[in-house]
Amino acid sequence: MEDLVIHVLKEYGFLLYPFITAWTFVEGETVVIVTGVLASEGRFNISVELLALSALTGSFFGDQLYYYIGRKYGTPLLTRWPKLTTRVDWAFQAVNRSPVLFILSFRWIYGVRNFAPFIVGIAGVPRVKYLVLNFIAATIWAHCFAWGGYLIGRKLEEWLGESKWFVLGGFIVLMIAFGVFGALRGKAKTPAATVAPEAPPTE
């Protein structure tokens, strides 16, 4: 990821922020953290605030799109992910119990974040309510990871110098390995179950 961001910076510097926006539209926080760490080095002209704004934009509009797909196509969409039935059922319970808390927090919940906007749309959370809460959540998320990456980079530079990338890379690999392990474990344990019924949209 570091090499990819550096390549974009060196060859297409003016495209860095659109690149971050496009990446966070479909992906998570790794690219934001790495770019924040690069910003801390001072080698490149990276604005942490513009980084956060780009991540906010991509994450916000991506989750808005997934929400509307959930509203339009409903429960049948979830049949494409039968192995996630347990987590999907949990997400339905969580959004029905406290939609505000779920929308504000799902970006931070491992194993749920990728399909949570679909669930919110299927559950019938009103459009305006979701738009406002999604914007607040995306703003907090983007600034936490942009500035978090920057501060992590500063501290690791003080402690480890250039070796910081080995530590950061090891941490990212560990996260990926944990994710793969969790997915395989869930595949082995997930029983056949029914997806929560579709809730009618409300305004």
C-alpha atoms as a PDB file:
ATOM      1  CA  MET A   1       0.000   0.000   0.000  1.00  0.00           C
ATOM      2  CA  GLU A   2       2.867   2.380   0.830  1.00  0.00           C
ATOM      3  CA  ASP A   3       4.438   1.788  -2.592  1.00  0.00           C
ATOM      4  CA  LEU A   4       1.133   2.409  -4.349  1.00  0.00           C
ATOM      5  CA  VAL A   5       0.527   5.714  -2.561  1.00  0.00           C
ATOM      6  CA  ILE A   6       4.123   6.851  -3.172  1.00  0.00           C
ATOM      7  CA  HIS A   7       3.782   5.967  -6.873  1.00  0.00           C
ATOM      8  CA  VAL A   8       0.634   8.079  -7.120  1.00  0.00           C
ATOM      9  CA  LEU A   9       2.371  10.939  -5.297  1.00  0.00           C
ATOM     10  CA  LYS A  10       5.465  10.872  -7.534  1.00  0.00           C
ATOM     11  CA  GLU A  11       3.813  10.276 -10.887  1.00  0.00           C
ATOM     12  CA  TYR A  12       0.367  11.809 -10.464  1.00  0.00           C
ATOM     13  CA  GLY A  13       0.584  14.019  -7.391  1.00  0.00           C
ATOM     14  CA  PHE A  14      -2.465  16.052  -8.356  1.00  0.00           C
ATOM     15  CA  LEU A  15      -4.528  12.846  -8.317  1.00  0.00           C
ATOM     16  CA  LEU A  16      -3.716  11.901  -4.712  1.00  0.00           C
ATOM     17  CA  TYR A  17      -6.939  13.200  -3.180  1.00  0.00           C
ATOM     18  CA  PRO A  18      -9.228  11.879  -5.960  1.00  0.00           C
ATOM     19  CA  PHE A  19      -7.384   8.549  -5.557  1.00  0.00           C
ATOM     20  CA  ILE A  20      -8.110   8.540  -1.811  1.00  0.00           C
ATOM     21  CA  THR A  21     -11.745   9.394  -2.491  1.00  0.00           C
ATOM     22  CA  ALA A  22     -12.121   6.582  -5.028  1.00  0.00           C
ATOM     23  CA  TRP A  23     -10.335   4.075  -2.779  1.00  0.00           C
ATOM     24  CA  THR A  24     -12.411   4.845   0.301  1.00  0.00           C
ATOM     25  CA  PHE A  25     -15.581   4.686  -1.810  1.00  0.00           C
ATOM     26  CA  VAL A  26     -15.073   0.918  -2.004  1.00  0.00           C
ATOM     27  CA  GLU A  27     -12.485   0.137   0.675  1.00  0.00           C
ATOM     28  CA  GLY A  28     -11.549   0.891   4.249  1.00  0.00           C
ATOM     29  CA  GLU A  29      -9.054   2.785   6.318  1.00  0.00           C
ATOM     30  CA  THR A  30      -5.674   1.264   5.380  1.00  0.00           C
ATOM     31  CA  VAL A  31      -4.915   3.752   2.593  1.00  0.00           C
ATOM     32  CA  VAL A  32      -5.897   6.644   4.896  1.00  0.00           C
ATOM     33  CA  ILE A  33      -3.557   5.480   7.662  1.00  0.00           C
ATOM     34  CA  VAL A  34      -0.650   4.927   5.258  1.00  0.00           C
ATOM     35  CA  THR A  35      -1.115   8.332   3.624  1.00  0.00           C
ATOM     36  CA  GLY A  36      -1.320   9.941   7.058  1.00  0.00           C
ATOM     37  CA  VAL A  37       1.984   8.312   8.005  1.00  0.00           C
ATOM     38  CA  LEU A  38       3.551   9.607   4.770  1.00  0.00           C
ATOM     39  CA  ALA A  39       2.250  13.086   5.583  1.00  0.00           C
ATOM     40  CA  SER A  40       4.093  12.940   8.916  1.00  0.00           C
ATOM     41  CA  GLU A  41       7.449  12.430   7.177  1.00  0.00           C
ATOM     42  CA  GLY A  42       7.454  15.785   5.383  1.00  0.00           C
ATOM     43  CA  ARG A  43       8.814  14.240   2.162  1.00  0.00           C
ATOM     44  CA  PHE A  44       5.606  14.950   0.301  1.00  0.00           C
ATOM     45  CA  ASN A  45       3.232  17.880   0.234  1.00  0.00           C
ATOM     46  CA  ILE A  46       0.253  16.164   1.843  1.00  0.00           C
ATOM     47  CA  SER A  47      -2.451  18.067   3.695  1.00  0.00           C
ATOM     48  CA  VAL A  48      -3.903  15.936   6.477  1.00  0.00           C
ATOM     49  CA  GLU A  49      -7.135  17.952   6.376  1.00  0.00           C
ATOM     50  CA  LEU A  50      -7.514  17.381   2.616  1.00  0.00           C
ATOM     51  CA  LEU A  51      -6.726  13.706   3.213  1.00  0.00           C
ATOM     52  CA  ALA A  52      -9.509  13.550   5.819  1.00  0.00           C
ATOM     53  CA  LEU A  53     -11.894  15.416   3.500  1.00  0.00           C
ATOM     54  CA  SER A  54     -11.148  13.001   0.646  1.00  0.00           C
ATOM     55  CA  ALA A  55     -11.671   9.964   2.892  1.00  0.00           C
ATOM     56  CA  LEU A  56     -14.876  11.485   4.259  1.00  0.00           C
ATOM     57  CA  THR A  57     -16.199  12.082   0.739  1.00  0.00           C
ATOM     58  CA  GLY A  58     -15.441   8.586  -0.525  1.00  0.00           C
ATOM     59  CA  SER A  59     -16.759   6.818   2.553  1.00  0.00           C
ATOM     60  CA  PHE A  60     -19.897   8.967   2.762  1.00  0.00           C
ATOM     61  CA  PHE A  61     -20.959   8.623  -0.872  1.00  0.00           C
ATOM     62  CA  GLY A  62     -20.026   4.943  -0.991  1.00  0.00           C
ATOM     63  CA  ASP A  63     -22.214   4.140   1.983  1.00  0.00           C
ATOM     64  CA  GLN A  64     -25.020   6.319   0.623  1.00  0.00           C
ATOM     65  CA  LEU A  65     -24.969   4.257  -2.584  1.00  0.00           C
ATOM     66  CA  TYR A  66     -24.967   0.948  -0.696  1.00  0.00           C
ATOM     67  CA  TYR A  67     -27.853   2.193   1.466  1.00  0.00           C
ATOM     68  CA  TYR A  68     -29.980   2.966  -1.608  1.00  0.00           C
ATOM     69  CA  ILE A  69     -29.103  -0.399  -3.167  1.00  0.00           C
ATOM     70  CA  GLY A  70     -30.340  -2.028   0.048  1.00  0.00           C
ATOM     71  CA  ARG A  71     -33.590  -0.053  -0.072  1.00  0.00           C
ATOM     72  CA  LYS A  72     -34.199  -0.867  -3.733  1.00  0.00           C
ATOM     73  CA  TYR A  73     -33.258  -4.540  -3.911  1.00  0.00           C
ATOM     74  CA  GLY A  74     -34.072  -5.521  -0.343  1.00  0.00           C
ATOM     75  CA  THR A  75     -33.568  -8.869   1.345  1.00  0.00           C
ATOM     76  CA  PRO A  76     -32.953 -10.923  -1.855  1.00  0.00           C
ATOM     77  CA  LEU A  77     -29.634  -9.090  -2.145  1.00  0.00           C
ATOM     78  CA  LEU A  78     -28.426 -10.800   1.044  1.00  0.00           C
ATOM     79  CA  THR A  79     -28.854 -14.279  -0.438  1.00  0.00           C
ATOM     80  CA  ARG A  80     -25.564 -13.630  -2.216  1.00  0.00           C
ATOM     81  CA  TRP A  81     -23.793 -13.778   1.161  1.00  0.00           C
ATOM     82  CA  PRO A  82     -25.211 -16.922   2.819  1.00  0.00           C
ATOM     83  CA  LYS A  83     -22.016 -17.416   4.828  1.00  0.00           C
ATOM     84  CA  LEU A  84     -22.623 -14.106   6.613  1.00  0.00           C
ATOM     85  CA  THR A  85     -26.058 -15.053   7.904  1.00  0.00           C
ATOM     86  CA  THR A  86     -25.137 -14.904  11.595  1.00  0.00           C
ATOM     87  CA  ARG A  87     -23.540 -11.466  11.284  1.00  0.00           C
ATOM     88  CA  VAL A  88     -26.392 -10.213   9.093  1.00  0.00           C
ATOM     89  CA  ASP A  89     -28.958 -11.328  11.682  1.00  0.00           C
ATOM     90  CA  TRP A  90     -26.952  -9.587  14.410  1.00  0.00           C
ATOM     91  CA  ALA A  91     -26.798  -6.388  12.310  1.00  0.00           C
ATOM     92  CA  PHE A  92     -30.577  -6.432  11.791  1.00  0.00           C
ATOM     93  CA  GLN A  93     -31.100  -6.776  15.538  1.00  0.00           C
ATOM     94  CA  ALA A  94     -28.636  -3.949  16.225  1.00  0.00           C
ATOM     95  CA  VAL A  95     -30.162  -1.505  13.720  1.00  0.00           C
ATOM     96  CA  ASN A  96     -33.701  -2.279  14.895  1.00  0.00           C
ATOM     97  CA  ARG A  97     -32.674  -1.861  18.536  1.00  0.00           C
ATOM     98  CA  SER A  98     -30.794   1.433  18.083  1.00  0.00           C
ATOM     99  CA  PRO A  99     -30.483   2.743  14.513  1.00  0.00           C
ATOM    100  CA  VAL A 100     -28.644   5.914  15.576  1.00  0.00           C
ATOM    101  CA  LEU A 101     -25.963   4.045  17.509  1.00  0.00           C
ATOM    102  CA  PHE A 102     -25.580   1.429  14.775  1.00  0.00           C
ATOM    103  CA  ILE A 103     -25.148   3.982  11.968  1.00  0.00           C
ATOM    104  CA  LEU A 104     -22.636   6.002  13.990  1.00  0.00           C
ATOM    105  CA  SER A 105     -20.604   2.936  14.945  1.00  0.00           C
ATOM    106  CA  PHE A 106     -20.749   0.346  12.139  1.00  0.00           C
ATOM    107  CA  ARG A 107     -17.576   1.677  10.463  1.00  0.00           C
ATOM    108  CA  TRP A 108     -15.690   0.500  13.537  1.00  0.00           C
ATOM    109  CA  ILE A 109     -17.242  -2.969  13.803  1.00  0.00           C
ATOM    110  CA  TYR A 110     -15.091  -5.674  12.246  1.00  0.00           C
ATOM    111  CA  GLY A 111     -16.957  -8.124  10.027  1.00  0.00           C
ATOM    112  CA  VAL A 112     -20.035  -5.890   9.703  1.00  0.00           C
ATOM    113  CA  ARG A 113     -18.764  -2.660   8.177  1.00  0.00           C
ATOM    114  CA  ASN A 114     -18.840  -3.820   4.518  1.00  0.00           C
ATOM    115  CA  PHE A 115     -22.513  -4.779   4.388  1.00  0.00           C
ATOM    116  CA  ALA A 116     -23.945  -2.562   7.155  1.00  0.00           C
ATOM    117  CA  PRO A 117     -25.283   0.185   4.811  1.00  0.00           C
ATOM    118  CA  PHE A 118     -27.269  -2.455   2.904  1.00  0.00           C
ATOM    119  CA  ILE A 119     -28.814  -3.594   6.205  1.00  0.00           C
ATOM    120  CA  VAL A 120     -29.718  -0.036   7.171  1.00  0.00           C
ATOM    121  CA  GLY A 121     -31.420   0.451   3.803  1.00  0.00           C
ATOM    122  CA  ILE A 122     -33.315  -2.838   4.032  1.00  0.00           C
ATOM    123  CA  ALA A 123     -34.380  -2.045   7.615  1.00  0.00           C
ATOM    124  CA  GLY A 124     -36.179   1.034   6.353  1.00  0.00           C
ATOM    125  CA  VAL A 125     -34.252   3.769   8.186  1.00  0.00           C
ATOM    126  CA  PRO A 126     -35.520   7.099   6.745  1.00  0.00           C
ATOM    127  CA  ARG A 127     -33.381   8.658   4.019  1.00  0.00           C
ATOM    128  CA  VAL A 128     -32.754  12.024   5.684  1.00  0.00           C
ATOM    129  CA  LYS A 129     -31.986  10.435   9.031  1.00  0.00           C
ATOM    130  CA  TYR A 130     -29.435   8.112   7.455  1.00  0.00           C
ATOM    131  CA  LEU A 131     -27.885  10.916   5.377  1.00  0.00           C
ATOM    132  CA  VAL A 132     -27.277  13.110   8.436  1.00  0.00           C
ATOM    133  CA  LEU A 133     -25.980  10.297  10.651  1.00  0.00           C
ATOM    134  CA  ASN A 134     -23.849   8.847   7.855  1.00  0.00           C
ATOM    135  CA  PHE A 135     -22.231  12.255   7.299  1.00  0.00           C
ATOM    136  CA  ILE A 136     -21.441  12.626  11.008  1.00  0.00           C
ATOM    137  CA  ALA A 137     -20.034   9.085  11.192  1.00  0.00           C
ATOM    138  CA  ALA A 138     -17.929   9.519   8.024  1.00  0.00           C
ATOM    139  CA  THR A 139     -16.530  12.809   9.335  1.00  0.00           C
ATOM    140  CA  ILE A 140     -15.442  11.271  12.634  1.00  0.00           C
ATOM    141  CA  TRP A 141     -14.061   8.147  10.942  1.00  0.00           C
ATOM    142  CA  ALA A 142     -12.067  10.045   8.305  1.00  0.00           C
ATOM    143  CA  HIS A 143     -10.476  12.488  10.745  1.00  0.00           C
ATOM    144  CA  CYS A 144      -9.620   9.747  13.242  1.00  0.00           C
ATOM    145  CA  PHE A 145      -7.713   7.699  10.683  1.00  0.00           C
ATOM    146  CA  ALA A 146      -6.130  10.616   8.796  1.00  0.00           C
ATOM    147  CA  TRP A 147      -4.841  12.322  11.922  1.00  0.00           C
ATOM    148  CA  GLY A 148      -4.288   8.967  13.634  1.00  0.00           C
ATOM    149  CA  GLY A 149      -1.983   7.877  10.803  1.00  0.00           C
ATOM    150  CA  TYR A 150      -0.166  11.216  10.988  1.00  0.00           C
ATOM    151  CA  LEU A 151       0.398  10.990  14.748  1.00  0.00           C
ATOM    152  CA  ILE A 152       1.382   7.314  14.561  1.00  0.00           C
ATOM    153  CA  GLY A 153       3.915   8.224  11.877  1.00  0.00           C
ATOM    154  CA  ARG A 154       5.405  10.976  14.031  1.00  0.00           C
ATOM    155  CA  LYS A 155       5.763   8.699  17.047  1.00  0.00           C
ATOM    156  CA  LEU A 156       7.126   5.741  15.098  1.00  0.00           C
ATOM    157  CA  GLU A 157       9.631   8.057  13.402  1.00  0.00           C
ATOM    158  CA  GLU A 158      10.869   9.166  16.821  1.00  0.00           C
ATOM    159  CA  TRP A 159      11.170   5.613  18.108  1.00  0.00           C
ATOM    160  CA  LEU A 160      12.168   3.566  15.061  1.00  0.00           C
ATOM    161  CA  GLY A 161      13.245   5.839  12.210  1.00  0.00           C
ATOM    162  CA  GLU A 162      12.925   4.191   8.795  1.00  0.00           C
ATOM    163  CA  SER A 163      12.175   0.849  10.462  1.00  0.00           C
ATOM    164  CA  LYS A 164       8.702   2.160  11.250  1.00  0.00           C
ATOM    165  CA  TRP A 165       7.422   0.844   7.911  1.00  0.00           C
ATOM    166  CA  PHE A 166       8.301  -2.703   8.927  1.00  0.00           C
ATOM    167  CA  VAL A 167       6.255  -2.277  12.102  1.00  0.00           C
ATOM    168  CA  LEU A 168       3.350  -0.666  10.268  1.00  0.00           C
ATOM    169  CA  GLY A 169       3.482  -3.275   7.506  1.00  0.00           C
ATOM    170  CA  GLY A 170       3.528  -6.053  10.087  1.00  0.00           C
ATOM    171  CA  PHE A 171       0.504  -4.543  11.792  1.00  0.00           C
ATOM    172  CA  ILE A 172      -1.429  -4.377   8.510  1.00  0.00           C
ATOM    173  CA  VAL A 173      -0.491  -7.972   7.651  1.00  0.00           C
ATOM    174  CA  LEU A 174      -1.626  -9.011  11.125  1.00  0.00           C
ATOM    175  CA  MET A 175      -4.977  -7.290  10.579  1.00  0.00           C
ATOM    176  CA  ILE A 176      -5.418  -9.052   7.235  1.00  0.00           C
ATOM    177  CA  ALA A 177      -4.473 -12.405   8.743  1.00  0.00           C
ATOM    178  CA  PHE A 178      -6.934 -11.845  11.578  1.00  0.00           C
ATOM    179  CA  GLY A 179      -9.636 -11.024   9.028  1.00  0.00           C
ATOM    180  CA  VAL A 180      -8.929 -14.151   6.986  1.00  0.00           C
ATOM    181  CA  PHE A 181      -8.926 -16.287  10.135  1.00  0.00           C
ATOM    182  CA  GLY A 182     -12.232 -14.763  11.234  1.00  0.00           C
ATOM    183  CA  ALA A 183     -13.780 -15.393   7.817  1.00  0.00           C
ATOM    184  CA  LEU A 184     -12.624 -19.017   7.755  1.00  0.00           C
ATOM    185  CA  ARG A 185     -13.808 -19.572  11.302  1.00  0.00           C
ATOM    186  CA  GLY A 186     -17.180 -18.055  10.494  1.00  0.00           C
ATOM    187  CA  LYS A 187     -17.455 -20.242   7.404  1.00  0.00           C
ATOM    188  CA  ALA A 188     -16.887 -23.344   9.510  1.00  0.00           C
ATOM    189  CA  LYS A 189     -19.334 -22.340  12.265  1.00  0.00           C
ATOM    190  CA  THR A 190     -22.128 -20.498  10.475  1.00  0.00           C
ATOM    191  CA  PRO A 191     -25.286 -22.651  10.412  1.00  0.00           C
ATOM    192  CA  ALA A 192     -27.937 -22.460   7.751  1.00  0.00           C
ATOM    193  CA  ALA A 193     -30.345 -19.756   8.832  1.00  0.00           C
ATOM    194  CA  THR A 194     -32.907 -17.427   7.438  1.00  0.00           C
ATOM    195  CA  VAL A 195     -32.200 -13.799   6.735  1.00  0.00           C
ATOM    196  CA  ALA A 196     -34.271 -11.293   8.667  1.00  0.00           C
ATOM    197  CA  PRO A 197     -37.413 -10.339   6.786  1.00  0.00           C
ATOM    198  CA  GLU A 198     -37.469  -7.184   4.761  1.00  0.00           C
ATOM    199  CA  ALA A 199     -38.850  -4.180   6.551  1.00  0.00           C
ATOM    200  CA  PRO A 200     -40.958  -1.741   4.576  1.00  0.00           C
ATOM    201  CA  PRO A 201     -39.199   1.582   3.935  1.00  0.00           C
ATOM    202  CA  THR A 202     -40.378   4.492   6.021  1.00  0.00           C
ATOM    203  CA  GLU A 203     -39.928   8.176   5.533  1.00  0.00           C
END
